[in-house]
Protein backbone atom coordinates (compact mmCIF):
# COMPACT_ATOMS: atom_id res chain seq x y z
CA MET A 1 62.31 37.23 9.63
CA TRP A 2 65.50 35.22 10.02
CA ARG A 3 65.68 35.86 13.75
CA ASN A 4 62.03 34.85 14.14
CA TYR A 5 62.71 31.69 12.14
CA LYS A 6 65.61 30.78 14.36
CA LYS A 7 63.40 31.16 17.46
CA ASP A 8 60.33 29.32 16.12
CA HIS A 9 60.41 28.23 12.51
CA THR A 10 56.78 27.06 12.37
CA SER A 11 55.44 30.37 13.63
CA ALA A 12 57.79 32.36 11.43
CA LEU A 13 56.67 30.51 8.31
CA THR A 14 53.03 31.05 9.21
CA HIS A 15 53.66 34.77 9.71
CA TYR A 16 55.53 34.86 6.41
CA GLN A 17 52.60 33.32 4.58
CA ASP A 18 50.21 35.79 6.25
CA PHE A 19 52.48 38.64 5.17
CA LEU A 20 52.56 37.46 1.57
CA LYS A 21 48.77 37.15 1.43
CA LEU A 22 48.37 40.85 2.27
CA GLY A 23 50.24 42.08 -0.78
CA TYR A 24 49.76 45.83 -1.05
CA THR A 25 46.38 45.90 0.67
CA LYS A 26 47.51 47.10 4.10
CA THR A 27 49.78 49.74 5.58
CA ILE A 28 53.45 49.01 6.17
CA PRO A 29 53.00 48.68 9.97
CA GLU A 30 50.16 46.19 9.39
CA ILE A 31 52.30 44.18 7.01
CA TYR A 32 55.15 44.06 9.50
CA THR A 33 52.72 42.90 12.19
CA ALA A 34 51.42 40.14 9.92
CA ALA A 35 55.02 39.08 9.33
CA GLY A 36 55.59 38.91 13.09
CA ILE A 37 58.10 41.75 13.03
CA LYS A 38 58.01 44.92 15.10
CA PHE A 39 57.78 48.11 13.05
CA ASP A 40 60.29 49.81 15.32
CA PHE A 41 63.31 51.84 14.36
CA SER A 42 64.32 52.88 17.88
CA ASP A 43 68.00 52.76 18.79
CA GLY A 44 67.47 49.87 21.18
CA TYR A 45 65.58 47.68 18.71
CA VAL A 46 67.96 48.39 15.84
CA LYS A 47 70.90 47.56 18.12
CA GLU A 48 69.21 44.31 19.07
CA LEU A 49 68.86 43.38 15.38
CA VAL A 50 72.44 44.42 14.56
CA ASP A 51 73.73 42.33 17.47
CA PHE A 52 71.78 39.35 16.13
CA VAL A 53 73.21 39.81 12.61
CA ARG A 54 76.74 40.17 13.98
CA ALA A 55 76.37 36.99 16.02
CA GLU A 56 75.08 35.14 12.96
CA TYR A 57 77.91 36.48 10.82
CA ALA A 58 80.48 35.43 13.46
CA ARG A 59 79.20 31.87 13.24
CA TYR A 60 80.46 31.61 9.65
């Protein structure tokens, strides 16, 4: 969510609201999709996220 917000805060907030509206009515992959997040735990995607977090951490 944070990475999406940094890229496009308006879209990220809209996706966040959509995600919250679903509650427990959909599957986890559907909830991730509504939130604008890939439901992907592949090595490449996880590395991409870790690299983002490290870069954010380094800024502080």
